[in-house]
Amino acid sequence: MFRLSAQSTRKAVQRLAVQARYQSTSSAAATSMNAKNVSMAAAGVATVGALAYMSMETVDANMAADGLHAPVYPWEHKKNLATFDHAAIRRGYQVYKEVCAACHSLDRIAWRNLIGVSHTEAEVKAMAEEFEYTDGPNDVGDMFQRPGKPSDYMPQPYANEEQARAGNAGAYPPDLSLMIKARHGGADYVFSLLTGYQDPPAGVEIREGLNFNPYFPGGAIGMARVLYDGLVEYEDGTPATTSQMAKDVTIFLSWAAEPEMDERKKMGMKALTMLAILTGLSVYLKRHKWAGLKTRKILYNPPAPKKH
């Protein structure tokens, strides 16, 4: 009797020990799992925060640091299926020639780039011949002056940087070939800058020789306002308002920065069309070739038992 009681007690103790071990193991596993989940969540939050911080632009409430942010305008040539307004490019070149070319160069654009875009070949040849270019040497080793050719690049207003600074109170007029790409905001910034001249607000002092423009970093710009209503006379009769001239010259500079844009969009449409056709043909051939294999039914007919 005592022996049975001892055995039952021993079994009960063993059972309790097993349960306690199981509970401790489960608790440790749960604790480890919770700690792992917490650490993974913390790592994910830290990663997202780091990426957000790295991608976030610096915000500065002081206009003197970056200038007023230009509004976004609905430029037609920025649409996926739209091209440059070539009439606007022609008008924009006229504004550049009569207004901007006195101080700003266009180093990366040759006369021939205008052929078929805004002018005919005869017009481009006539415009190029209006300027004299240094060429040579000739047969006796001397440099000489000759009329311009369509292969020549547009002339610079100044012979060197020192002459440019001397003629602009120490400021160096930048080249406009890639100005749309070089400035944050692109075409929106250039248009806003050309139309944004105004009197400085109360409390803002602009030193002599500078002009207030809220879109220019610092608010003080050396270039004075150059566009006024009726400043140029368009060949096609378009009213030459300040905003119209700013729009046209901005479109011209957008083309100067990306003269291949129209051709690139055309090639892109051709490539997408060919890919769509080839994709449809591939799907058809795949279904045609594999339909028989995928829909076939295999039957097994066991041989009939032989009769003895």
C-alpha atoms as a PDB file:
ATOM      1  CA  MET A   1       0.000   0.000   0.000  1.00  0.00           C
ATOM      2  CA  PHE A   2       2.810   2.389   0.963  1.00  0.00           C
ATOM      3  CA  ARG A   3       4.679   1.299  -2.177  1.00  0.00           C
ATOM      4  CA  LEU A   4       1.739   2.271  -4.410  1.00  0.00           C
ATOM      5  CA  SER A   5       1.434   5.595  -2.637  1.00  0.00           C
ATOM      6  CA  ALA A   6       5.141   6.393  -3.201  1.00  0.00           C
ATOM      7  CA  GLN A   7       4.938   5.466  -6.863  1.00  0.00           C
ATOM      8  CA  SER A   8       1.888   7.636  -7.428  1.00  0.00           C
ATOM      9  CA  THR A   9       3.576  10.536  -5.630  1.00  0.00           C
ATOM     10  CA  ARG A  10       6.706  10.140  -7.730  1.00  0.00           C
ATOM     11  CA  LYS A  11       4.658  10.134 -10.950  1.00  0.00           C
ATOM     12  CA  ALA A  12       2.780  13.236  -9.834  1.00  0.00           C
ATOM     13  CA  VAL A  13       6.061  15.058  -9.139  1.00  0.00           C
ATOM     14  CA  GLN A  14       7.444  14.048 -12.555  1.00  0.00           C
ATOM     15  CA  ARG A  15       4.256  15.246 -14.211  1.00  0.00           C
ATOM     16  CA  LEU A  16       4.494  18.602 -12.481  1.00  0.00           C
ATOM     17  CA  ALA A  17       8.172  18.939 -13.451  1.00  0.00           C
ATOM     18  CA  VAL A  18       7.370  18.254 -17.120  1.00  0.00           C
ATOM     19  CA  GLN A  19       4.574  20.831 -17.078  1.00  0.00           C
ATOM     20  CA  ALA A  20       6.803  23.412 -15.425  1.00  0.00           C
ATOM     21  CA  ARG A  21       9.574  22.760 -17.977  1.00  0.00           C
ATOM     22  CA  TYR A  22       7.101  23.091 -20.852  1.00  0.00           C
ATOM     23  CA  GLN A  23       5.686  26.321 -19.472  1.00  0.00           C
ATOM     24  CA  SER A  24       9.159  27.811 -18.994  1.00  0.00           C
ATOM     25  CA  THR A  25      10.160  26.804 -22.535  1.00  0.00           C
ATOM     26  CA  SER A  26       6.969  28.287 -23.992  1.00  0.00           C
ATOM     27  CA  SER A  27       7.425  31.466 -21.989  1.00  0.00           C
ATOM     28  CA  ALA A  28      11.044  31.811 -23.124  1.00  0.00           C
ATOM     29  CA  ALA A  29      10.067  31.192 -26.743  1.00  0.00           C
ATOM     30  CA  ALA A  30       7.262  33.738 -26.547  1.00  0.00           C
ATOM     31  CA  THR A  31       9.567  36.267 -24.892  1.00  0.00           C
ATOM     32  CA  SER A  32      12.201  35.681 -27.566  1.00  0.00           C
ATOM     33  CA  MET A  33       9.608  36.032 -30.337  1.00  0.00           C
ATOM     34  CA  ASN A  34       8.237  39.254 -28.863  1.00  0.00           C
ATOM     35  CA  ALA A  35      11.737  40.690 -28.527  1.00  0.00           C
ATOM     36  CA  LYS A  36      12.490  39.736 -32.126  1.00  0.00           C
ATOM     37  CA  ASN A  37       9.292  41.386 -33.375  1.00  0.00           C
ATOM     38  CA  VAL A  38      10.009  44.535 -31.390  1.00  0.00           C
ATOM     39  CA  SER A  39      13.566  44.731 -32.732  1.00  0.00           C
ATOM     40  CA  MET A  40      12.391  44.221 -36.330  1.00  0.00           C
ATOM     41  CA  ALA A  41       9.727  46.894 -35.935  1.00  0.00           C
ATOM     42  CA  ALA A  42      12.257  49.301 -34.461  1.00  0.00           C
ATOM     43  CA  ALA A  43      14.676  48.604 -37.309  1.00  0.00           C
ATOM     44  CA  GLY A  44      11.914  49.201 -39.859  1.00  0.00           C
ATOM     45  CA  VAL A  45      10.900  52.505 -38.271  1.00  0.00           C
ATOM     46  CA  ALA A  46      14.529  53.621 -38.142  1.00  0.00           C
ATOM     47  CA  THR A  47      15.062  52.718 -41.812  1.00  0.00           C
ATOM     48  CA  VAL A  48      11.923  54.543 -42.961  1.00  0.00           C
ATOM     49  CA  GLY A  49      12.867  57.572 -40.888  1.00  0.00           C
ATOM     50  CA  ALA A  50      16.383  57.625 -42.315  1.00  0.00           C
ATOM     51  CA  LEU A  51      15.133  57.364 -45.896  1.00  0.00           C
ATOM     52  CA  ALA A  52      12.560  60.106 -45.303  1.00  0.00           C
ATOM     53  CA  TYR A  53      15.231  62.360 -43.814  1.00  0.00           C
ATOM     54  CA  MET A  54      17.627  61.733 -46.707  1.00  0.00           C
ATOM     55  CA  SER A  55      14.979  62.387 -49.364  1.00  0.00           C
ATOM     56  CA  MET A  56      13.560  65.463 -47.655  1.00  0.00           C
ATOM     57  CA  GLU A  57      14.590  68.750 -49.184  1.00  0.00           C
ATOM     58  CA  THR A  58      15.989  71.397 -46.915  1.00  0.00           C
ATOM     59  CA  VAL A  59      13.239  73.736 -45.835  1.00  0.00           C
ATOM     60  CA  ASP A  60      14.246  77.325 -45.255  1.00  0.00           C
ATOM     61  CA  ALA A  61      11.655  79.914 -44.390  1.00  0.00           C
ATOM     62  CA  ASN A  62      14.085  82.712 -45.206  1.00  0.00           C
ATOM     63  CA  MET A  63      13.525  83.937 -48.774  1.00  0.00           C
ATOM     64  CA  ALA A  64      17.047  85.328 -48.799  1.00  0.00           C
ATOM     65  CA  ALA A  65      18.432  81.786 -48.872  1.00  0.00           C
ATOM     66  CA  ASP A  66      16.713  80.247 -51.892  1.00  0.00           C
ATOM     67  CA  GLY A  67      14.271  82.802 -53.235  1.00  0.00           C
ATOM     68  CA  LEU A  68      10.553  82.422 -53.660  1.00  0.00           C
ATOM     69  CA  HIS A  69       9.574  79.049 -55.132  1.00  0.00           C
ATOM     70  CA  ALA A  70       8.236  79.482 -58.661  1.00  0.00           C
ATOM     71  CA  PRO A  71       4.669  78.304 -59.350  1.00  0.00           C
ATOM     72  CA  VAL A  72       4.127  75.385 -61.708  1.00  0.00           C
ATOM     73  CA  TYR A  73       2.864  76.401 -65.143  1.00  0.00           C
ATOM     74  CA  PRO A  74       1.144  74.062 -67.644  1.00  0.00           C
ATOM     75  CA  TRP A  75       3.811  74.020 -70.351  1.00  0.00           C
ATOM     76  CA  GLU A  76       2.487  72.231 -73.403  1.00  0.00           C
ATOM     77  CA  HIS A  77       5.830  70.702 -74.401  1.00  0.00           C
ATOM     78  CA  LYS A  78       6.095  68.884 -71.057  1.00  0.00           C
ATOM     79  CA  LYS A  79       3.175  66.612 -71.908  1.00  0.00           C
ATOM     80  CA  ASN A  80       4.053  63.100 -73.011  1.00  0.00           C
ATOM     81  CA  LEU A  81       2.410  63.321 -76.433  1.00  0.00           C
ATOM     82  CA  ALA A  82       3.106  67.005 -77.131  1.00  0.00           C
ATOM     83  CA  THR A  83       5.975  68.702 -78.952  1.00  0.00           C
ATOM     84  CA  PHE A  84       7.484  72.162 -78.840  1.00  0.00           C
ATOM     85  CA  ASP A  85       5.459  75.052 -80.192  1.00  0.00           C
ATOM     86  CA  HIS A  86       7.714  75.919 -83.107  1.00  0.00           C
ATOM     87  CA  ALA A  87       6.021  79.269 -83.709  1.00  0.00           C
ATOM     88  CA  ALA A  88       6.835  80.138 -80.082  1.00  0.00           C
ATOM     89  CA  ILE A  89      10.448  79.019 -80.645  1.00  0.00           C
ATOM     90  CA  ARG A  90      10.709  81.451 -83.566  1.00  0.00           C
ATOM     91  CA  ARG A  91       9.241  84.294 -81.511  1.00  0.00           C
ATOM     92  CA  GLY A  92      11.461  83.338 -78.578  1.00  0.00           C
ATOM     93  CA  TYR A  93      14.563  83.510 -80.745  1.00  0.00           C
ATOM     94  CA  GLN A  94      13.501  86.995 -81.825  1.00  0.00           C
ATOM     95  CA  VAL A  95      13.243  88.053 -78.170  1.00  0.00           C
ATOM     96  CA  TYR A  96      16.636  86.498 -77.431  1.00  0.00           C
ATOM     97  CA  LYS A  97      18.225  88.212 -80.437  1.00  0.00           C
ATOM     98  CA  GLU A  98      16.793  91.660 -79.754  1.00  0.00           C
ATOM     99  CA  VAL A  99      16.902  91.659 -75.948  1.00  0.00           C
ATOM    100  CA  CYS A 100      18.973  88.887 -74.352  1.00  0.00           C
ATOM    101  CA  ALA A 101      21.853  88.510 -76.829  1.00  0.00           C
ATOM    102  CA  ALA A 102      23.322  91.859 -75.786  1.00  0.00           C
ATOM    103  CA  CYS A 103      24.585  90.255 -72.541  1.00  0.00           C
ATOM    104  CA  HIS A 104      23.981  86.482 -72.631  1.00  0.00           C
ATOM    105  CA  SER A 105      25.628  83.942 -74.908  1.00  0.00           C
ATOM    106  CA  LEU A 106      24.230  80.738 -76.389  1.00  0.00           C
ATOM    107  CA  ASP A 107      27.440  78.733 -76.787  1.00  0.00           C
ATOM    108  CA  ARG A 108      25.961  75.298 -77.502  1.00  0.00           C
ATOM    109  CA  ILE A 109      23.598  76.306 -80.295  1.00  0.00           C
ATOM    110  CA  ALA A 110      24.810  76.575 -83.889  1.00  0.00           C
ATOM    111  CA  TRP A 111      22.930  78.387 -86.624  1.00  0.00           C
ATOM    112  CA  ARG A 112      22.155  75.101 -88.354  1.00  0.00           C
ATOM    113  CA  ASN A 113      20.215  73.922 -85.290  1.00  0.00           C
ATOM    114  CA  LEU A 114      17.487  76.406 -86.208  1.00  0.00           C
ATOM    115  CA  ILE A 115      16.939  74.903 -89.677  1.00  0.00           C
ATOM    116  CA  GLY A 116      13.632  73.070 -89.833  1.00  0.00           C
ATOM    117  CA  VAL A 117      12.780  74.077 -86.271  1.00  0.00           C
ATOM    118  CA  SER A 118      12.028  77.787 -86.426  1.00  0.00           C
ATOM    119  CA  HIS A 119      13.596  79.022 -89.675  1.00  0.00           C
ATOM    120  CA  THR A 120      14.264  77.869 -93.199  1.00  0.00           C
ATOM    121  CA  GLU A 121      17.738  77.150 -94.518  1.00  0.00           C
ATOM    122  CA  ALA A 122      17.811  80.396 -96.520  1.00  0.00           C
ATOM    123  CA  GLU A 123      16.805  82.420 -93.468  1.00  0.00           C
ATOM    124  CA  VAL A 124      19.494  80.779 -91.333  1.00  0.00           C
ATOM    125  CA  LYS A 125      22.186  81.456 -93.943  1.00  0.00           C
ATOM    126  CA  ALA A 126      21.150  85.104 -94.131  1.00  0.00           C
ATOM    127  CA  MET A 127      21.194  85.473 -90.323  1.00  0.00           C
ATOM    128  CA  ALA A 128      24.613  83.814 -90.021  1.00  0.00           C
ATOM    129  CA  GLU A 129      26.099  86.081 -92.693  1.00  0.00           C
ATOM    130  CA  GLU A 130      25.216  89.131 -90.622  1.00  0.00           C
ATOM    131  CA  PHE A 131      28.121  88.301 -88.287  1.00  0.00           C
ATOM    132  CA  GLU A 132      31.864  88.177 -88.930  1.00  0.00           C
ATOM    133  CA  TYR A 133      33.874  85.184 -87.687  1.00  0.00           C
ATOM    134  CA  THR A 134      37.626  84.843 -87.314  1.00  0.00           C
ATOM    135  CA  ASP A 135      38.963  81.993 -89.426  1.00  0.00           C
ATOM    136  CA  GLY A 136      42.228  80.779 -90.821  1.00  0.00           C
ATOM    137  CA  PRO A 137      45.050  80.664 -91.222  1.00  0.00           C
ATOM    138  CA  ASN A 138      45.053  81.416 -94.930  1.00  0.00           C
ATOM    139  CA  ASP A 139      47.739  80.548 -97.464  1.00  0.00           C
ATOM    140  CA  VAL A 140      50.177  83.046 -95.958  1.00  0.00           C
ATOM    141  CA  GLY A 141      49.475  82.058 -92.366  1.00  0.00           C
ATOM    142  CA  ASP A 142      47.265  84.986 -91.393  1.00  0.00           C
ATOM    143  CA  MET A 143      43.866  84.870 -89.688  1.00  0.00           C
ATOM    144  CA  PHE A 144      41.048  86.575 -91.524  1.00  0.00           C
ATOM    145  CA  GLN A 145      37.421  87.598 -91.080  1.00  0.00           C
ATOM    146  CA  ARG A 146      34.656  85.910 -93.031  1.00  0.00           C
ATOM    147  CA  PRO A 147      30.835  85.941 -92.996  1.00  0.00           C
ATOM    148  CA  GLY A 148      29.180  83.398 -90.780  1.00  0.00           C
ATOM    149  CA  LYS A 149      28.026  79.988 -91.994  1.00  0.00           C
ATOM    150  CA  PRO A 150      25.244  77.705 -90.711  1.00  0.00           C
ATOM    151  CA  SER A 151      27.898  75.472 -89.112  1.00  0.00           C
ATOM    152  CA  ASP A 152      29.161  78.329 -86.921  1.00  0.00           C
ATOM    153  CA  TYR A 153      27.976  78.700 -83.357  1.00  0.00           C
ATOM    154  CA  MET A 154      26.105  81.790 -82.296  1.00  0.00           C
ATOM    155  CA  PRO A 155      28.465  84.673 -81.498  1.00  0.00           C
ATOM    156  CA  GLN A 156      29.275  85.731 -77.939  1.00  0.00           C
ATOM    157  CA  PRO A 157      28.466  89.259 -76.797  1.00  0.00           C
ATOM    158  CA  TYR A 158      31.827  89.642 -75.019  1.00  0.00           C
ATOM    159  CA  ALA A 159      35.342  88.576 -75.924  1.00  0.00           C
ATOM    160  CA  ASN A 160      36.098  87.198 -72.429  1.00  0.00           C
ATOM    161  CA  GLU A 161      34.772  87.016 -68.888  1.00  0.00           C
ATOM    162  CA  GLU A 162      36.652  90.118 -67.724  1.00  0.00           C
ATOM    163  CA  GLN A 163      35.043  92.230 -70.428  1.00  0.00           C
ATOM    164  CA  ALA A 164      31.629  90.812 -69.524  1.00  0.00           C
ATOM    165  CA  ARG A 165      32.065  91.677 -65.841  1.00  0.00           C
ATOM    166  CA  ALA A 166      33.351  95.146 -66.650  1.00  0.00           C
ATOM    167  CA  GLY A 167      30.236  95.846 -68.702  1.00  0.00           C
ATOM    168  CA  ASN A 168      27.818  94.566 -66.039  1.00  0.00           C
ATOM    169  CA  ALA A 169      29.049  96.142 -62.797  1.00  0.00           C
ATOM    170  CA  GLY A 170      31.055  93.057 -61.840  1.00  0.00           C
ATOM    171  CA  ALA A 171      28.284  90.530 -62.533  1.00  0.00           C
ATOM    172  CA  TYR A 172      28.950  87.800 -65.080  1.00  0.00           C
ATOM    173  CA  PRO A 173      25.955  87.101 -67.365  1.00  0.00           C
ATOM    174  CA  PRO A 174      25.635  83.305 -67.576  1.00  0.00           C
ATOM    175  CA  ASP A 175      25.356  81.337 -70.775  1.00  0.00           C
ATOM    176  CA  LEU A 176      21.732  80.453 -71.560  1.00  0.00           C
ATOM    177  CA  SER A 177      22.257  77.220 -73.500  1.00  0.00           C
ATOM    178  CA  LEU A 178      21.431  74.973 -70.536  1.00  0.00           C
ATOM    179  CA  MET A 179      19.810  77.521 -68.239  1.00  0.00           C
ATOM    180  CA  ILE A 180      16.504  75.624 -68.108  1.00  0.00           C
ATOM    181  CA  LYS A 181      18.321  72.525 -66.815  1.00  0.00           C
ATOM    182  CA  ALA A 182      20.728  74.441 -64.595  1.00  0.00           C
ATOM    183  CA  ARG A 183      18.113  76.129 -62.391  1.00  0.00           C
ATOM    184  CA  HIS A 184      15.761  74.484 -59.922  1.00  0.00           C
ATOM    185  CA  GLY A 185      12.277  74.834 -61.327  1.00  0.00           C
ATOM    186  CA  GLY A 186      13.480  74.979 -64.937  1.00  0.00           C
ATOM    187  CA  ALA A 187      11.105  76.826 -67.237  1.00  0.00           C
ATOM    188  CA  ASP A 188       8.876  77.847 -64.318  1.00  0.00           C
ATOM    189  CA  TYR A 189      11.804  79.605 -62.639  1.00  0.00           C
ATOM    190  CA  VAL A 190      12.926  81.454 -65.791  1.00  0.00           C
ATOM    191  CA  PHE A 191       9.403  82.649 -66.599  1.00  0.00           C
ATOM    192  CA  SER A 192       8.789  83.727 -63.007  1.00  0.00           C
ATOM    193  CA  LEU A 193      12.136  85.531 -62.870  1.00  0.00           C
ATOM    194  CA  LEU A 194      11.456  87.491 -66.071  1.00  0.00           C
ATOM    195  CA  THR A 195       7.999  88.569 -64.921  1.00  0.00           C
ATOM    196  CA  GLY A 196       8.687  88.882 -61.171  1.00  0.00           C
ATOM    197  CA  TYR A 197      10.363  92.287 -60.927  1.00  0.00           C
ATOM    198  CA  GLN A 198       8.714  94.600 -58.390  1.00  0.00           C
ATOM    199  CA  ASP A 199       9.464  97.243 -55.818  1.00  0.00           C
ATOM    200  CA  PRO A 200      11.033  95.884 -52.614  1.00  0.00           C
ATOM    201  CA  PRO A 201       8.589  95.537 -49.737  1.00  0.00           C
ATOM    202  CA  ALA A 202       8.816  97.648 -46.615  1.00  0.00           C
ATOM    203  CA  GLY A 203      11.850  96.821 -44.536  1.00  0.00           C
ATOM    204  CA  VAL A 204      13.864  95.327 -47.405  1.00  0.00           C
ATOM    205  CA  GLU A 205      16.832  97.360 -48.556  1.00  0.00           C
ATOM    206  CA  ILE A 206      18.450  96.785 -51.960  1.00  0.00           C
ATOM    207  CA  ARG A 207      21.841  98.342 -52.522  1.00  0.00           C
ATOM    208  CA  GLU A 208      22.450 100.571 -55.469  1.00  0.00           C
ATOM    209  CA  GLY A 209      22.875  98.801 -58.788  1.00  0.00           C
ATOM    210  CA  LEU A 210      20.711  95.807 -57.838  1.00  0.00           C
ATOM    211  CA  ASN A 211      17.041  95.099 -58.442  1.00  0.00           C
ATOM    212  CA  PHE A 212      14.480  93.325 -56.288  1.00  0.00           C
ATOM    213  CA  ASN A 213      13.106  90.037 -57.587  1.00  0.00           C
ATOM    214  CA  PRO A 214      11.609  87.602 -55.056  1.00  0.00           C
ATOM    215  CA  TYR A 215      12.344  84.570 -57.268  1.00  0.00           C
ATOM    216  CA  PHE A 216      16.093  85.197 -57.337  1.00  0.00           C
ATOM    217  CA  PRO A 217      18.095  83.735 -54.425  1.00  0.00           C
ATOM    218  CA  GLY A 218      18.720  86.587 -52.049  1.00  0.00           C
ATOM    219  CA  GLY A 219      16.058  88.771 -53.672  1.00  0.00           C
ATOM    220  CA  ALA A 220      18.641  91.142 -55.183  1.00  0.00           C
ATOM    221  CA  ILE A 221      19.642  90.594 -58.811  1.00  0.00           C
ATOM    222  CA  GLY A 222      22.060  92.549 -60.942  1.00  0.00           C
ATOM    223  CA  MET A 223      19.996  92.197 -64.136  1.00  0.00           C
ATOM    224  CA  ALA A 224      17.366  94.898 -64.431  1.00  0.00           C
ATOM    225  CA  ARG A 225      13.930  94.267 -65.867  1.00  0.00           C
ATOM    226  CA  VAL A 226      14.309  93.930 -69.625  1.00  0.00           C
ATOM    227  CA  LEU A 227      10.835  92.961 -70.873  1.00  0.00           C
ATOM    228  CA  TYR A 228       8.172  95.624 -71.333  1.00  0.00           C
ATOM    229  CA  ASP A 229       4.954  95.586 -73.315  1.00  0.00           C
ATOM    230  CA  GLY A 230       5.584  96.300 -76.984  1.00  0.00           C
ATOM    231  CA  LEU A 231       9.364  95.987 -76.728  1.00  0.00           C
ATOM    232  CA  VAL A 232       9.560  93.801 -79.856  1.00  0.00           C
ATOM    233  CA  GLU A 233       7.317  93.552 -82.891  1.00  0.00           C
ATOM    234  CA  TYR A 234       6.481  89.958 -83.748  1.00  0.00           C
ATOM    235  CA  GLU A 235       6.429  88.983 -87.402  1.00  0.00           C
ATOM    236  CA  ASP A 236       3.194  87.012 -87.013  1.00  0.00           C
ATOM    237  CA  GLY A 237       1.332  89.848 -85.317  1.00  0.00           C
ATOM    238  CA  THR A 238       1.208  88.279 -81.844  1.00  0.00           C
ATOM    239  CA  PRO A 239       0.773  90.995 -79.166  1.00  0.00           C
ATOM    240  CA  ALA A 240       4.165  91.481 -77.528  1.00  0.00           C
ATOM    241  CA  THR A 241       3.099  91.690 -73.895  1.00  0.00           C
ATOM    242  CA  THR A 242       5.581  91.113 -71.098  1.00  0.00           C
ATOM    243  CA  SER A 243       4.151  87.683 -70.252  1.00  0.00           C
ATOM    244  CA  GLN A 244       3.999  86.668 -73.932  1.00  0.00           C
ATOM    245  CA  MET A 245       7.637  87.571 -74.539  1.00  0.00           C
ATOM    246  CA  ALA A 246       8.684  85.811 -71.310  1.00  0.00           C
ATOM    247  CA  LYS A 247       6.753  82.714 -72.352  1.00  0.00           C
ATOM    248  CA  ASP A 248       8.220  82.665 -75.864  1.00  0.00           C
ATOM    249  CA  VAL A 249      11.838  83.136 -74.783  1.00  0.00           C
ATOM    250  CA  THR A 250      11.374  80.502 -72.071  1.00  0.00           C
ATOM    251  CA  ILE A 251      10.118  78.011 -74.676  1.00  0.00           C
ATOM    252  CA  PHE A 252      13.065  78.921 -76.903  1.00  0.00           C
ATOM    253  CA  LEU A 253      15.511  78.274 -74.042  1.00  0.00           C
ATOM    254  CA  SER A 254      13.724  75.009 -73.236  1.00  0.00           C
ATOM    255  CA  TRP A 255      14.323  73.916 -76.818  1.00  0.00           C
ATOM    256  CA  ALA A 256      17.951  75.099 -76.628  1.00  0.00           C
ATOM    257  CA  ALA A 257      18.483  72.910 -73.550  1.00  0.00           C
ATOM    258  CA  GLU A 258      16.847  69.868 -75.207  1.00  0.00           C
ATOM    259  CA  PRO A 259      16.821  70.291 -78.999  1.00  0.00           C
ATOM    260  CA  GLU A 260      16.391  66.514 -79.405  1.00  0.00           C
ATOM    261  CA  MET A 261      13.212  66.309 -77.286  1.00  0.00           C
ATOM    262  CA  ASP A 262      10.747  66.079 -80.194  1.00  0.00           C
ATOM    263  CA  GLU A 263      12.806  63.373 -81.895  1.00  0.00           C
ATOM    264  CA  ARG A 264      13.188  61.509 -78.604  1.00  0.00           C
ATOM    265  CA  LYS A 265       9.432  61.482 -78.038  1.00  0.00           C
ATOM    266  CA  LYS A 266       8.875  60.310 -81.612  1.00  0.00           C
ATOM    267  CA  MET A 267      11.332  57.450 -81.182  1.00  0.00           C
ATOM    268  CA  GLY A 268       9.718  56.584 -77.860  1.00  0.00           C
ATOM    269  CA  MET A 269       6.294  56.306 -79.494  1.00  0.00           C
ATOM    270  CA  LYS A 270       7.734  54.076 -82.211  1.00  0.00           C
ATOM    271  CA  ALA A 271       9.425  51.878 -79.632  1.00  0.00           C
ATOM    272  CA  LEU A 272       6.253  51.553 -77.536  1.00  0.00           C
ATOM    273  CA  THR A 273       4.207  50.721 -80.638  1.00  0.00           C
ATOM    274  CA  MET A 274       6.654  48.009 -81.702  1.00  0.00           C
ATOM    275  CA  LEU A 275       6.774  46.575 -78.182  1.00  0.00           C
ATOM    276  CA  ALA A 276       2.973  46.440 -78.042  1.00  0.00           C
ATOM    277  CA  ILE A 277       2.809  44.639 -81.402  1.00  0.00           C
ATOM    278  CA  LEU A 278       5.549  42.176 -80.440  1.00  0.00           C
ATOM    279  CA  THR A 279       3.927  41.543 -77.054  1.00  0.00           C
ATOM    280  CA  GLY A 280       0.575  40.748 -78.682  1.00  0.00           C
ATOM    281  CA  LEU A 281       2.289  38.488 -81.237  1.00  0.00           C
ATOM    282  CA  SER A 282       4.199  36.688 -78.484  1.00  0.00           C
ATOM    283  CA  VAL A 283       1.011  36.068 -76.492  1.00  0.00           C
ATOM    284  CA  TYR A 284      -0.765  34.753 -79.587  1.00  0.00           C
ATOM    285  CA  LEU A 285       2.091  32.405 -80.532  1.00  0.00           C
ATOM    286  CA  LYS A 286       2.412  31.193 -76.983  1.00  0.00           C
ATOM    287  CA  ARG A 287      -1.288  30.345 -76.772  1.00  0.00           C
ATOM    288  CA  HIS A 288      -1.242  28.816 -80.253  1.00  0.00           C
ATOM    289  CA  LYS A 289       1.755  26.595 -79.561  1.00  0.00           C
ATOM    290  CA  TRP A 290       0.898  25.573 -76.035  1.00  0.00           C
ATOM    291  CA  ALA A 291      -2.895  25.329 -76.251  1.00  0.00           C
ATOM    292  CA  GLY A 292      -2.715  21.763 -77.554  1.00  0.00           C
ATOM    293  CA  LEU A 293      -0.356  20.684 -74.796  1.00  0.00           C
ATOM    294  CA  LYS A 294      -2.196  22.399 -71.988  1.00  0.00           C
ATOM    295  CA  THR A 295      -5.665  21.161 -73.015  1.00  0.00           C
ATOM    296  CA  ARG A 296      -4.800  17.629 -74.019  1.00  0.00           C
ATOM    297  CA  LYS A 297      -6.412  14.716 -72.167  1.00  0.00           C
ATOM    298  CA  ILE A 298      -4.505  11.522 -71.538  1.00  0.00           C
ATOM    299  CA  LEU A 299      -6.535   8.306 -71.387  1.00  0.00           C
ATOM    300  CA  TYR A 300      -5.277   4.917 -70.389  1.00  0.00           C
ATOM    301  CA  ASN A 301      -6.954   1.861 -71.885  1.00  0.00           C
ATOM    302  CA  PRO A 302      -5.764  -1.252 -70.108  1.00  0.00           C
ATOM    303  CA  PRO A 303      -5.377  -4.317 -72.321  1.00  0.00           C
ATOM    304  CA  ALA A 304      -8.270  -6.720 -72.335  1.00  0.00           C
ATOM    305  CA  PRO A 305      -7.664  -9.901 -70.356  1.00  0.00           C
ATOM    306  CA  LYS A 306      -6.668 -12.815 -72.471  1.00  0.00           C
ATOM    307  CA  LYS A 307      -9.151 -15.617 -72.749  1.00  0.00           C
ATOM    308  CA  HIS A 308      -7.834 -19.049 -71.881  1.00  0.00           C
END
